[in-house]
Amino acid sequence: MVAWSTIRFIIAWVLEEGWITRQVNYDNAFAQAELSKTIVVEAPKLFGQKSGKDLAFKLLKSLYGLNQAPRTFFEKL
């Protein structure tokens, strides 16, 4: 956890220097990153039980546990 005095210092510094800031929500950071490549993942077994077919999903956004997740997030950042 960050101390409030540190946050106040950084905000004051940014204002004094005239810098532009952005806010990033790190709780769901990886889900914010858009993928540049086509990635298809196997669907969980429960999705295909009724139809008897093997299903797959094409990802539009990154997921936790995906090898590309940290890289795609930092590209966006």
Protein backbone atom coordinates (compact mmCIF):
# COMPACT_ATOMS: atom_id res chain seq x y z
CA MET A 1 0.00 0.00 0.00
CA VAL A 2 1.21 3.50 -0.79
CA ALA A 3 1.21 6.20 1.87
CA TRP A 4 -1.08 9.18 1.23
CA SER A 5 1.85 11.54 1.73
CA THR A 6 3.60 9.89 -1.24
CA ILE A 7 0.53 10.31 -3.43
CA ARG A 8 0.18 13.98 -2.43
CA PHE A 9 3.88 14.54 -3.20
CA ILE A 10 3.60 12.96 -6.65
CA ILE A 11 0.46 14.95 -7.51
CA ALA A 12 2.11 18.19 -6.39
CA TRP A 13 5.24 17.37 -8.40
CA VAL A 14 3.20 16.60 -11.52
CA LEU A 15 1.28 19.87 -11.19
CA GLU A 16 4.44 21.87 -10.61
CA GLU A 17 6.14 20.40 -13.70
CA GLY A 18 3.00 20.69 -15.86
CA TRP A 19 3.08 17.00 -16.78
CA ILE A 20 0.10 15.07 -18.12
CA THR A 21 -1.00 12.04 -16.10
CA ARG A 22 -3.22 9.03 -16.72
CA GLN A 23 -4.92 6.66 -14.32
CA VAL A 24 -4.63 2.90 -14.80
CA ASN A 25 -6.73 0.34 -12.98
CA TYR A 26 -4.27 -2.40 -12.05
CA ASP A 27 -6.95 -4.64 -10.53
CA ASN A 28 -7.98 -5.74 -14.02
CA ALA A 29 -4.94 -4.51 -15.92
CA PHE A 30 -4.49 -7.54 -18.16
CA ALA A 31 -8.14 -7.49 -19.23
CA GLN A 32 -7.66 -3.96 -20.58
CA ALA A 33 -4.94 -4.93 -23.05
CA GLU A 34 -6.06 -5.64 -26.61
CA LEU A 35 -4.33 -8.45 -28.46
CA SER A 36 -2.42 -7.77 -31.68
CA LYS A 37 -2.37 -11.45 -32.75
CA THR A 38 -5.17 -13.97 -33.12
CA ILE A 39 -5.29 -16.23 -30.08
CA VAL A 40 -7.69 -19.15 -29.80
CA VAL A 41 -8.17 -21.04 -26.54
CA GLU A 42 -9.88 -24.34 -25.86
CA ALA A 43 -13.24 -23.96 -24.14
CA PRO A 44 -13.82 -25.63 -20.78
CA LYS A 45 -15.41 -29.09 -21.04
CA LEU A 46 -18.75 -27.83 -19.64
CA PHE A 47 -19.39 -25.67 -22.72
CA GLY A 48 -19.30 -28.58 -25.15
CA GLN A 49 -21.23 -31.16 -23.11
CA LYS A 50 -24.68 -30.37 -24.51
CA SER A 51 -23.64 -30.22 -28.15
CA GLY A 52 -21.03 -32.97 -27.94
CA LYS A 53 -18.57 -30.77 -29.83
CA ASP A 54 -15.15 -29.45 -28.88
CA LEU A 55 -15.43 -25.68 -28.73
CA ALA A 56 -12.82 -22.94 -28.87
CA PHE A 57 -12.89 -19.20 -28.21
CA LYS A 58 -11.13 -16.42 -30.10
CA LEU A 59 -9.86 -13.90 -27.56
CA LEU A 60 -10.46 -10.19 -28.11
CA LYS A 61 -8.73 -9.07 -24.91
CA SER A 62 -5.91 -10.52 -22.85
CA LEU A 63 -6.51 -12.91 -19.94
CA TYR A 64 -4.71 -13.66 -16.70
CA GLY A 65 -2.48 -16.67 -17.16
CA LEU A 66 -1.96 -15.98 -20.86
CA ASN A 67 1.74 -15.86 -21.78
CA GLN A 68 1.21 -12.66 -23.78
CA ALA A 69 -0.75 -10.88 -21.02
CA PRO A 70 2.08 -8.88 -19.39
CA ARG A 71 3.59 -7.88 -22.73
CA THR A 72 0.27 -6.71 -24.22
CA PHE A 73 -0.56 -4.71 -21.11
CA PHE A 74 2.82 -2.95 -21.04
CA GLU A 75 2.47 -2.16 -24.77
CA LYS A 76 -0.83 -0.45 -23.99
CA LEU A 77 0.64 1.33 -20.98
